[in-house]
């Protein structure tokens, strides 16, 4: 059977063939469905059932452009300019990390452990796209959520994302390594800070190294706990009497983070593994009573 070059079927096959030497088939198919859904409102079922449907020249050209950018290792999230996180849509650019499934696990844990109608004051440190803060604001109706970031460009995106998802989050530019004095108190402090050491760069994919903000990713080799220590010190001053602290962590430093928190007299310090059985979350609480 001859397949016309302007049909969905031909374009889909070409998408896979062009990228098969660079990505796994499952990854290619995921990118394919996201591309067709985002640009052309064609779902997986449409692609499968309407393979003989003709596409416009502009549509085919857009697919070719996406393929070329993927070949340059540009993440699809940055190509299409958005990504999904816990069912919410977030605008993404070069100033923000792409939300990841491991971070979804962190947010889900916080939601599960803090259900109820009691008012909560929540702070997200290093908010980036705002995905953690916005998801918590959306899912915990009793929460008043604030968020810090040192990057003005990231904060601009976070504000847009709060508006996009119809949530209210108080964003503020703060360098958590040198925070200003404040009397603010929070029931929950959460952070997914920079935790990849510079020596780990050579192990990372080009799509991360070349396109995601290094400011949000890397720490010096001799200071892997730099941000965790500063945030823990901040939490000691600003958590409420029964306040809780949640971290996403580098899998290599779970024991070190746990030990640091014990030394600072946090209670119930617990390491949680992610879906891949890697140490990914540390949480604890402070008891001033």
C-alpha atoms as a PDB file:
ATOM      1  CA  UNK A   1       0.000   0.000   0.000  1.00  0.00           C
ATOM      2  CA  UNK A   2       1.377   3.367  -1.006  1.00  0.00           C
ATOM      3  CA  UNK A   3       1.411   5.915   1.821  1.00  0.00           C
ATOM      4  CA  UNK A   4       0.934   9.530   0.784  1.00  0.00           C
ATOM      5  CA  UNK A   5       3.627  11.865   2.092  1.00  0.00           C
ATOM      6  CA  UNK A   6       1.115  14.401   3.379  1.00  0.00           C
ATOM      7  CA  UNK A   7      -0.815  11.951   5.601  1.00  0.00           C
ATOM      8  CA  UNK A   8      -0.670  11.475   9.361  1.00  0.00           C
ATOM      9  CA  UNK A   9       0.685   7.942   8.921  1.00  0.00           C
ATOM     10  CA  UNK A  10       3.606   9.013   6.754  1.00  0.00           C
ATOM     11  CA  UNK A  11       4.475  11.935   9.043  1.00  0.00           C
ATOM     12  CA  UNK A  12       4.349   9.709  12.139  1.00  0.00           C
ATOM     13  CA  UNK A  13       6.588   7.090  10.525  1.00  0.00           C
ATOM     14  CA  UNK A  14       9.026   9.782   9.449  1.00  0.00           C
ATOM     15  CA  UNK A  15       9.096  11.237  12.993  1.00  0.00           C
ATOM     16  CA  UNK A  16      10.087   7.826  14.382  1.00  0.00           C
ATOM     17  CA  UNK A  17      12.656   7.075  11.685  1.00  0.00           C
ATOM     18  CA  UNK A  18      14.399  10.438  12.065  1.00  0.00           C
ATOM     19  CA  UNK A  19      14.865  10.001  15.814  1.00  0.00           C
ATOM     20  CA  UNK A  20      15.323   6.242  16.216  1.00  0.00           C
ATOM     21  CA  UNK A  21      19.127   6.485  16.432  1.00  0.00           C
ATOM     22  CA  UNK A  22      18.944   9.021  19.246  1.00  0.00           C
ATOM     23  CA  UNK A  23      16.064   7.958  21.506  1.00  0.00           C
ATOM     24  CA  UNK A  24      14.282   4.822  22.685  1.00  0.00           C
ATOM     25  CA  UNK A  25      11.081   4.003  20.821  1.00  0.00           C
ATOM     26  CA  UNK A  26       8.923   4.543  23.918  1.00  0.00           C
ATOM     27  CA  UNK A  27      10.450   8.005  24.378  1.00  0.00           C
ATOM     28  CA  UNK A  28       9.955   8.838  20.696  1.00  0.00           C
ATOM     29  CA  UNK A  29       6.307   7.826  20.855  1.00  0.00           C
ATOM     30  CA  UNK A  30       5.741   9.930  23.979  1.00  0.00           C
ATOM     31  CA  UNK A  31       7.290  12.969  22.274  1.00  0.00           C
ATOM     32  CA  UNK A  32       5.295  12.266  19.126  1.00  0.00           C
ATOM     33  CA  UNK A  33       1.937  12.190  20.915  1.00  0.00           C
ATOM     34  CA  UNK A  34       2.758  15.296  22.948  1.00  0.00           C
ATOM     35  CA  UNK A  35       3.823  17.168  19.801  1.00  0.00           C
ATOM     36  CA  UNK A  36       0.691  16.296  17.835  1.00  0.00           C
ATOM     37  CA  UNK A  37      -1.554  17.053  20.794  1.00  0.00           C
ATOM     38  CA  UNK A  38       0.071  20.394  21.573  1.00  0.00           C
ATOM     39  CA  UNK A  39       0.349  21.824  18.060  1.00  0.00           C
ATOM     40  CA  UNK A  40      -2.517  20.160  16.224  1.00  0.00           C
ATOM     41  CA  UNK A  41      -4.957  18.948  18.925  1.00  0.00           C
ATOM     42  CA  UNK A  42      -4.571  15.406  17.588  1.00  0.00           C
ATOM     43  CA  UNK A  43      -4.760  12.772  20.302  1.00  0.00           C
ATOM     44  CA  UNK A  44      -3.268   9.288  20.204  1.00  0.00           C
ATOM     45  CA  UNK A  45      -6.576   7.797  19.062  1.00  0.00           C
ATOM     46  CA  UNK A  46      -6.789  10.328  16.207  1.00  0.00           C
ATOM     47  CA  UNK A  47      -3.299   9.413  15.053  1.00  0.00           C
ATOM     48  CA  UNK A  48      -4.052   5.700  15.091  1.00  0.00           C
ATOM     49  CA  UNK A  49      -7.541   5.796  13.594  1.00  0.00           C
ATOM     50  CA  UNK A  50      -7.088   8.611  11.055  1.00  0.00           C
ATOM     51  CA  UNK A  51      -3.746   7.656   9.548  1.00  0.00           C
ATOM     52  CA  UNK A  52      -4.894   8.473   6.013  1.00  0.00           C
ATOM     53  CA  UNK A  53      -5.964  11.996   6.931  1.00  0.00           C
ATOM     54  CA  UNK A  54      -4.048  14.647   5.016  1.00  0.00           C
ATOM     55  CA  UNK A  55      -2.000  17.258   6.847  1.00  0.00           C
ATOM     56  CA  UNK A  56      -1.388  20.785   5.687  1.00  0.00           C
ATOM     57  CA  UNK A  57       2.015  21.903   4.456  1.00  0.00           C
ATOM     58  CA  UNK A  58       2.321  24.138   7.527  1.00  0.00           C
ATOM     59  CA  UNK A  59       1.623  21.213   9.852  1.00  0.00           C
ATOM     60  CA  UNK A  60       4.239  19.038   8.163  1.00  0.00           C
ATOM     61  CA  UNK A  61       6.756  21.879   8.332  1.00  0.00           C
ATOM     62  CA  UNK A  62       6.147  22.333  12.074  1.00  0.00           C
ATOM     63  CA  UNK A  63       6.749  18.621  12.667  1.00  0.00           C
ATOM     64  CA  UNK A  64      10.025  18.873  10.743  1.00  0.00           C
ATOM     65  CA  UNK A  65      11.077  21.829  12.903  1.00  0.00           C
ATOM     66  CA  UNK A  66      10.360  19.879  16.092  1.00  0.00           C
ATOM     67  CA  UNK A  67      12.388  16.926  14.797  1.00  0.00           C
ATOM     68  CA  UNK A  68      15.374  19.154  14.061  1.00  0.00           C
ATOM     69  CA  UNK A  69      15.291  20.719  17.527  1.00  0.00           C
ATOM     70  CA  UNK A  70      15.026  17.290  19.151  1.00  0.00           C
ATOM     71  CA  UNK A  71      18.068  16.194  17.171  1.00  0.00           C
ATOM     72  CA  UNK A  72      19.931  19.103  18.810  1.00  0.00           C
ATOM     73  CA  UNK A  73      18.973  17.622  22.209  1.00  0.00           C
ATOM     74  CA  UNK A  74      16.601  20.449  23.041  1.00  0.00           C
ATOM     75  CA  UNK A  75      14.007  19.142  25.527  1.00  0.00           C
ATOM     76  CA  UNK A  76      10.500  18.851  24.125  1.00  0.00           C
ATOM     77  CA  UNK A  77       9.212  20.845  27.104  1.00  0.00           C
ATOM     78  CA  UNK A  78      11.234  23.851  25.949  1.00  0.00           C
ATOM     79  CA  UNK A  79      10.309  23.321  22.298  1.00  0.00           C
ATOM     80  CA  UNK A  80       6.592  23.443  23.028  1.00  0.00           C
ATOM     81  CA  UNK A  81       7.095  25.852  25.950  1.00  0.00           C
ATOM     82  CA  UNK A  82       5.087  23.961  28.535  1.00  0.00           C
ATOM     83  CA  UNK A  83       4.947  20.786  30.601  1.00  0.00           C
ATOM     84  CA  UNK A  84       2.484  18.950  32.800  1.00  0.00           C
ATOM     85  CA  UNK A  85       2.947  18.468  36.532  1.00  0.00           C
ATOM     86  CA  UNK A  86       0.351  16.642  38.641  1.00  0.00           C
ATOM     87  CA  UNK A  87      -2.293  17.303  36.008  1.00  0.00           C
ATOM     88  CA  UNK A  88      -1.531  21.032  35.829  1.00  0.00           C
ATOM     89  CA  UNK A  89       0.060  22.811  32.863  1.00  0.00           C
ATOM     90  CA  UNK A  90       3.172  24.944  33.398  1.00  0.00           C
ATOM     91  CA  UNK A  91       4.937  27.361  31.092  1.00  0.00           C
ATOM     92  CA  UNK A  92       8.612  26.428  30.790  1.00  0.00           C
ATOM     93  CA  UNK A  93      11.651  28.221  29.368  1.00  0.00           C
ATOM     94  CA  UNK A  94      15.428  28.290  29.677  1.00  0.00           C
ATOM     95  CA  UNK A  95      15.208  29.978  33.101  1.00  0.00           C
ATOM     96  CA  UNK A  96      13.234  27.157  34.740  1.00  0.00           C
ATOM     97  CA  UNK A  97      13.804  23.473  35.368  1.00  0.00           C
ATOM     98  CA  UNK A  98      11.463  21.069  33.640  1.00  0.00           C
ATOM     99  CA  UNK A  99       9.162  19.552  36.290  1.00  0.00           C
ATOM    100  CA  UNK A 100      10.027  15.912  36.935  1.00  0.00           C
ATOM    101  CA  UNK A 101       8.133  12.854  38.199  1.00  0.00           C
ATOM    102  CA  UNK A 102      10.337  12.616  41.308  1.00  0.00           C
ATOM    103  CA  UNK A 103       9.198  16.090  42.323  1.00  0.00           C
ATOM    104  CA  UNK A 104       5.594  15.019  41.830  1.00  0.00           C
ATOM    105  CA  UNK A 105       6.263  12.329  44.438  1.00  0.00           C
ATOM    106  CA  UNK A 106       7.536  14.987  46.849  1.00  0.00           C
ATOM    107  CA  UNK A 107       4.393  17.092  46.410  1.00  0.00           C
ATOM    108  CA  UNK A 108       2.104  14.074  46.723  1.00  0.00           C
ATOM    109  CA  UNK A 109       3.765  13.154  50.017  1.00  0.00           C
ATOM    110  CA  UNK A 110       3.208  16.664  51.377  1.00  0.00           C
ATOM    111  CA  UNK A 111      -0.437  16.592  50.303  1.00  0.00           C
ATOM    112  CA  UNK A 112      -1.030  13.179  51.893  1.00  0.00           C
ATOM    113  CA  UNK A 113       0.590  14.175  55.181  1.00  0.00           C
ATOM    114  CA  UNK A 114      -1.152  17.541  55.479  1.00  0.00           C
ATOM    115  CA  UNK A 115      -4.777  16.918  54.574  1.00  0.00           C
ATOM    116  CA  UNK A 116      -7.492  18.687  56.493  1.00  0.00           C
ATOM    117  CA  UNK A 117      -9.140  22.041  56.931  1.00  0.00           C
ATOM    118  CA  UNK A 118      -6.670  23.532  59.396  1.00  0.00           C
ATOM    119  CA  UNK A 119      -5.042  26.669  57.914  1.00  0.00           C
ATOM    120  CA  UNK A 120      -1.450  26.112  56.840  1.00  0.00           C
ATOM    121  CA  UNK A 121       1.324  28.513  55.925  1.00  0.00           C
ATOM    122  CA  UNK A 122       3.594  26.957  53.282  1.00  0.00           C
ATOM    123  CA  UNK A 123       6.910  28.155  51.833  1.00  0.00           C
ATOM    124  CA  UNK A 124       8.577  26.762  48.693  1.00  0.00           C
ATOM    125  CA  UNK A 125      12.260  27.725  48.466  1.00  0.00           C
ATOM    126  CA  UNK A 126      13.803  27.801  44.985  1.00  0.00           C
ATOM    127  CA  UNK A 127      10.445  27.719  43.254  1.00  0.00           C
ATOM    128  CA  UNK A 128      11.606  27.906  39.610  1.00  0.00           C
ATOM    129  CA  UNK A 129       8.513  27.429  37.434  1.00  0.00           C
ATOM    130  CA  UNK A 130       6.402  27.477  40.598  1.00  0.00           C
ATOM    131  CA  UNK A 131       5.254  23.883  40.110  1.00  0.00           C
ATOM    132  CA  UNK A 132       5.606  22.831  43.771  1.00  0.00           C
ATOM    133  CA  UNK A 133       4.030  25.967  45.231  1.00  0.00           C
ATOM    134  CA  UNK A 134       1.190  26.097  42.719  1.00  0.00           C
ATOM    135  CA  UNK A 135       0.354  22.400  43.000  1.00  0.00           C
ATOM    136  CA  UNK A 136       0.247  22.673  46.804  1.00  0.00           C
ATOM    137  CA  UNK A 137      -1.929  25.775  46.611  1.00  0.00           C
ATOM    138  CA  UNK A 138      -4.260  23.952  44.246  1.00  0.00           C
ATOM    139  CA  UNK A 139      -4.494  20.727  46.272  1.00  0.00           C
ATOM    140  CA  UNK A 140      -4.464  22.035  49.856  1.00  0.00           C
ATOM    141  CA  UNK A 141      -7.324  24.516  49.943  1.00  0.00           C
ATOM    142  CA  UNK A 142      -6.499  25.679  53.473  1.00  0.00           C
ATOM    143  CA  UNK A 143      -2.905  26.582  52.586  1.00  0.00           C
ATOM    144  CA  UNK A 144      -1.496  30.066  52.198  1.00  0.00           C
ATOM    145  CA  UNK A 145       1.521  29.508  49.950  1.00  0.00           C
ATOM    146  CA  UNK A 146       4.621  31.660  49.522  1.00  0.00           C
ATOM    147  CA  UNK A 147       7.607  30.983  47.274  1.00  0.00           C
ATOM    148  CA  UNK A 148      11.191  32.261  47.042  1.00  0.00           C
ATOM    149  CA  UNK A 149      13.658  32.252  44.167  1.00  0.00           C
ATOM    150  CA  UNK A 150      16.870  34.148  43.504  1.00  0.00           C
ATOM    151  CA  UNK A 151      16.158  34.383  39.752  1.00  0.00           C
ATOM    152  CA  UNK A 152      13.971  37.259  38.600  1.00  0.00           C
ATOM    153  CA  UNK A 153      13.415  35.538  35.250  1.00  0.00           C
ATOM    154  CA  UNK A 154      12.209  32.356  36.936  1.00  0.00           C
ATOM    155  CA  UNK A 155       9.872  34.369  39.152  1.00  0.00           C
ATOM    156  CA  UNK A 156       8.302  36.004  36.091  1.00  0.00           C
ATOM    157  CA  UNK A 157       7.448  32.550  34.749  1.00  0.00           C
ATOM    158  CA  UNK A 158       6.187  31.387  38.145  1.00  0.00           C
ATOM    159  CA  UNK A 159       3.802  34.357  38.372  1.00  0.00           C
ATOM    160  CA  UNK A 160       2.448  33.534  34.909  1.00  0.00           C
ATOM    161  CA  UNK A 161       1.979  29.909  35.925  1.00  0.00           C
ATOM    162  CA  UNK A 162       0.041  30.874  39.044  1.00  0.00           C
ATOM    163  CA  UNK A 163      -2.286  32.945  36.863  1.00  0.00           C
ATOM    164  CA  UNK A 164      -2.549  30.136  34.304  1.00  0.00           C
ATOM    165  CA  UNK A 165      -3.592  27.676  36.999  1.00  0.00           C
ATOM    166  CA  UNK A 166      -5.812  30.160  38.847  1.00  0.00           C
ATOM    167  CA  UNK A 167      -3.953  29.975  42.138  1.00  0.00           C
ATOM    168  CA  UNK A 168      -2.733  32.565  44.598  1.00  0.00           C
ATOM    169  CA  UNK A 169       0.946  32.314  45.569  1.00  0.00           C
ATOM    170  CA  UNK A 170       3.041  35.081  47.135  1.00  0.00           C
ATOM    171  CA  UNK A 171       6.308  35.104  45.160  1.00  0.00           C
ATOM    172  CA  UNK A 172       9.401  36.939  46.375  1.00  0.00           C
ATOM    173  CA  UNK A 173      12.995  37.307  45.223  1.00  0.00           C
ATOM    174  CA  UNK A 174      15.196  35.909  48.007  1.00  0.00           C
ATOM    175  CA  UNK A 175      18.726  34.522  48.080  1.00  0.00           C
ATOM    176  CA  UNK A 176      18.354  31.730  50.629  1.00  0.00           C
ATOM    177  CA  UNK A 177      22.129  31.715  51.144  1.00  0.00           C
ATOM    178  CA  UNK A 178      21.800  35.247  52.516  1.00  0.00           C
ATOM    179  CA  UNK A 179      18.156  35.783  53.516  1.00  0.00           C
ATOM    180  CA  UNK A 180      16.998  39.038  55.056  1.00  0.00           C
ATOM    181  CA  UNK A 181      15.740  39.087  58.629  1.00  0.00           C
ATOM    182  CA  UNK A 182      12.068  38.275  59.004  1.00  0.00           C
ATOM    183  CA  UNK A 183       9.572  37.228  61.658  1.00  0.00           C
ATOM    184  CA  UNK A 184       7.530  35.119  59.237  1.00  0.00           C
ATOM    185  CA  UNK A 185       6.507  31.642  60.421  1.00  0.00           C
ATOM    186  CA  UNK A 186       5.578  28.662  58.276  1.00  0.00           C
ATOM    187  CA  UNK A 187       3.964  25.327  59.040  1.00  0.00           C
ATOM    188  CA  UNK A 188       5.643  23.696  56.049  1.00  0.00           C
ATOM    189  CA  UNK A 189       8.886  24.544  54.269  1.00  0.00           C
ATOM    190  CA  UNK A 190       9.713  22.597  51.116  1.00  0.00           C
ATOM    191  CA  UNK A 191      12.620  22.835  48.724  1.00  0.00           C
ATOM    192  CA  UNK A 192      14.061  21.133  45.657  1.00  0.00           C
ATOM    193  CA  UNK A 193      17.354  23.069  45.705  1.00  0.00           C
ATOM    194  CA  UNK A 194      20.429  22.732  43.479  1.00  0.00           C
ATOM    195  CA  UNK A 195      21.988  19.390  44.422  1.00  0.00           C
ATOM    196  CA  UNK A 196      24.069  18.088  41.519  1.00  0.00           C
ATOM    197  CA  UNK A 197      27.815  18.488  42.032  1.00  0.00           C
ATOM    198  CA  UNK A 198      29.943  19.832  39.199  1.00  0.00           C
ATOM    199  CA  UNK A 199      31.824  16.534  38.965  1.00  0.00           C
ATOM    200  CA  UNK A 200      28.548  14.824  38.009  1.00  0.00           C
ATOM    201  CA  UNK A 201      28.105  16.982  34.900  1.00  0.00           C
ATOM    202  CA  UNK A 202      29.880  14.519  32.641  1.00  0.00           C
ATOM    203  CA  UNK A 203      27.264  11.897  33.513  1.00  0.00           C
ATOM    204  CA  UNK A 204      24.353  14.068  32.461  1.00  0.00           C
ATOM    205  CA  UNK A 205      22.515  14.205  29.149  1.00  0.00           C
ATOM    206  CA  UNK A 206      23.156  17.096  26.791  1.00  0.00           C
ATOM    207  CA  UNK A 207      19.498  18.088  26.843  1.00  0.00           C
ATOM    208  CA  UNK A 208      19.930  19.013  30.526  1.00  0.00           C
ATOM    209  CA  UNK A 209      23.413  20.524  30.338  1.00  0.00           C
ATOM    210  CA  UNK A 210      22.758  22.637  27.258  1.00  0.00           C
ATOM    211  CA  UNK A 211      19.230  23.847  27.934  1.00  0.00           C
ATOM    212  CA  UNK A 212      18.316  23.874  31.639  1.00  0.00           C
ATOM    213  CA  UNK A 213      19.499  26.592  34.069  1.00  0.00           C
ATOM    214  CA  UNK A 214      22.750  25.678  35.791  1.00  0.00           C
ATOM    215  CA  UNK A 215      21.860  28.068  38.615  1.00  0.00           C
ATOM    216  CA  UNK A 216      19.052  25.697  39.609  1.00  0.00           C
ATOM    217  CA  UNK A 217      21.060  22.507  39.141  1.00  0.00           C
ATOM    218  CA  UNK A 218      24.649  22.615  40.342  1.00  0.00           C
ATOM    219  CA  UNK A 219      26.702  23.077  43.497  1.00  0.00           C
ATOM    220  CA  UNK A 220      30.447  22.965  44.027  1.00  0.00           C
ATOM    221  CA  UNK A 221      32.029  19.564  44.591  1.00  0.00           C
ATOM    222  CA  UNK A 222      33.211  20.500  48.086  1.00  0.00           C
ATOM    223  CA  UNK A 223      29.797  21.819  49.202  1.00  0.00           C
ATOM    224  CA  UNK A 224      27.083  19.334  48.165  1.00  0.00           C
ATOM    225  CA  UNK A 225      24.897  20.255  51.151  1.00  0.00           C
ATOM    226  CA  UNK A 226      25.301  24.024  50.770  1.00  0.00           C
ATOM    227  CA  UNK A 227      21.628  24.778  50.169  1.00  0.00           C
ATOM    228  CA  UNK A 228      20.312  22.104  52.522  1.00  0.00           C
ATOM    229  CA  UNK A 229      22.313  23.544  55.403  1.00  0.00           C
ATOM    230  CA  UNK A 230      21.210  27.113  54.700  1.00  0.00           C
ATOM    231  CA  UNK A 231      17.556  26.100  54.319  1.00  0.00           C
ATOM    232  CA  UNK A 232      17.715  24.026  57.513  1.00  0.00           C
ATOM    233  CA  UNK A 233      19.099  27.040  59.402  1.00  0.00           C
ATOM    234  CA  UNK A 234      16.331  29.191  57.929  1.00  0.00           C
ATOM    235  CA  UNK A 235      13.756  26.579  58.933  1.00  0.00           C
ATOM    236  CA  UNK A 236      15.004  26.552  62.529  1.00  0.00           C
ATOM    237  CA  UNK A 237      14.107  30.231  62.750  1.00  0.00           C
ATOM    238  CA  UNK A 238      10.932  30.247  60.665  1.00  0.00           C
ATOM    239  CA  UNK A 239       9.088  26.977  61.210  1.00  0.00           C
ATOM    240  CA  UNK A 240       6.113  27.073  63.549  1.00  0.00           C
ATOM    241  CA  UNK A 241       6.013  25.029  66.766  1.00  0.00           C
ATOM    242  CA  UNK A 242       5.102  21.784  64.974  1.00  0.00           C
ATOM    243  CA  UNK A 243       6.505  22.787  61.603  1.00  0.00           C
ATOM    244  CA  UNK A 244       7.649  20.313  58.932  1.00  0.00           C
ATOM    245  CA  UNK A 245      10.567  20.456  56.508  1.00  0.00           C
ATOM    246  CA  UNK A 246      10.647  18.587  53.185  1.00  0.00           C
ATOM    247  CA  UNK A 247      13.594  18.243  50.779  1.00  0.00           C
ATOM    248  CA  UNK A 248      14.164  16.643  47.407  1.00  0.00           C
ATOM    249  CA  UNK A 249      17.729  15.332  47.489  1.00  0.00           C
ATOM    250  CA  UNK A 250      20.617  13.993  45.454  1.00  0.00           C
ATOM    251  CA  UNK A 251      20.402  10.208  45.813  1.00  0.00           C
ATOM    252  CA  UNK A 252      24.093  10.096  46.833  1.00  0.00           C
ATOM    253  CA  UNK A 253      23.687  12.304  49.887  1.00  0.00           C
ATOM    254  CA  UNK A 254      20.649  10.976  51.745  1.00  0.00           C
ATOM    255  CA  UNK A 255      22.672   9.849  54.759  1.00  0.00           C
ATOM    256  CA  UNK A 256      24.584  13.142  54.870  1.00  0.00           C
ATOM    257  CA  UNK A 257      21.421  15.250  54.710  1.00  0.00           C
ATOM    258  CA  UNK A 258      19.797  13.121  57.400  1.00  0.00           C
ATOM    259  CA  UNK A 259      22.857  13.448  59.636  1.00  0.00           C
ATOM    260  CA  UNK A 260      23.007  17.215  59.184  1.00  0.00           C
ATOM    261  CA  UNK A 261      19.340  17.556  60.190  1.00  0.00           C
ATOM    262  CA  UNK A 262      19.851  15.382  63.289  1.00  0.00           C
ATOM    263  CA  UNK A 263      22.796  17.560  64.305  1.00  0.00           C
ATOM    264  CA  UNK A 264      20.524  20.603  64.103  1.00  0.00           C
ATOM    265  CA  UNK A 265      18.019  18.822  66.395  1.00  0.00           C
ATOM    266  CA  UNK A 266      15.253  18.186  63.862  1.00  0.00           C
ATOM    267  CA  UNK A 267      12.979  15.305  64.855  1.00  0.00           C
ATOM    268  CA  UNK A 268      11.732  12.225  62.988  1.00  0.00           C
ATOM    269  CA  UNK A 269      14.194  12.638  60.124  1.00  0.00           C
ATOM    270  CA  UNK A 270      13.132  10.200  57.420  1.00  0.00           C
ATOM    271  CA  UNK A 271      14.522   9.267  54.006  1.00  0.00           C
ATOM    272  CA  UNK A 272      11.979   8.249  51.336  1.00  0.00           C
ATOM    273  CA  UNK A 273      12.903   6.397  48.159  1.00  0.00           C
ATOM    274  CA  UNK A 274      11.452   7.381  44.783  1.00  0.00           C
ATOM    275  CA  UNK A 275       9.792   5.199  42.143  1.00  0.00           C
ATOM    276  CA  UNK A 276      13.240   3.978  41.092  1.00  0.00           C
ATOM    277  CA  UNK A 277      14.204   2.952  44.637  1.00  0.00           C
ATOM    278  CA  UNK A 278      16.656   5.831  44.969  1.00  0.00           C
ATOM    279  CA  UNK A 279      16.903   8.054  48.055  1.00  0.00           C
ATOM    280  CA  UNK A 280      14.979  11.134  46.880  1.00  0.00           C
ATOM    281  CA  UNK A 281      13.097  12.802  49.730  1.00  0.00           C
ATOM    282  CA  UNK A 282      14.067  13.713  53.276  1.00  0.00           C
ATOM    283  CA  UNK A 283      11.464  15.077  55.653  1.00  0.00           C
ATOM    284  CA  UNK A 284      11.452  15.949  59.334  1.00  0.00           C
ATOM    285  CA  UNK A 285       9.803  18.215  61.844  1.00  0.00           C
ATOM    286  CA  UNK A 286      10.641  20.609  64.605  1.00  0.00           C
ATOM    287  CA  UNK A 287       9.065  20.430  68.041  1.00  0.00           C
ATOM    288  CA  UNK A 288       9.420  23.546  70.145  1.00  0.00           C
ATOM    289  CA  UNK A 289       6.934  22.458  72.824  1.00  0.00           C
END
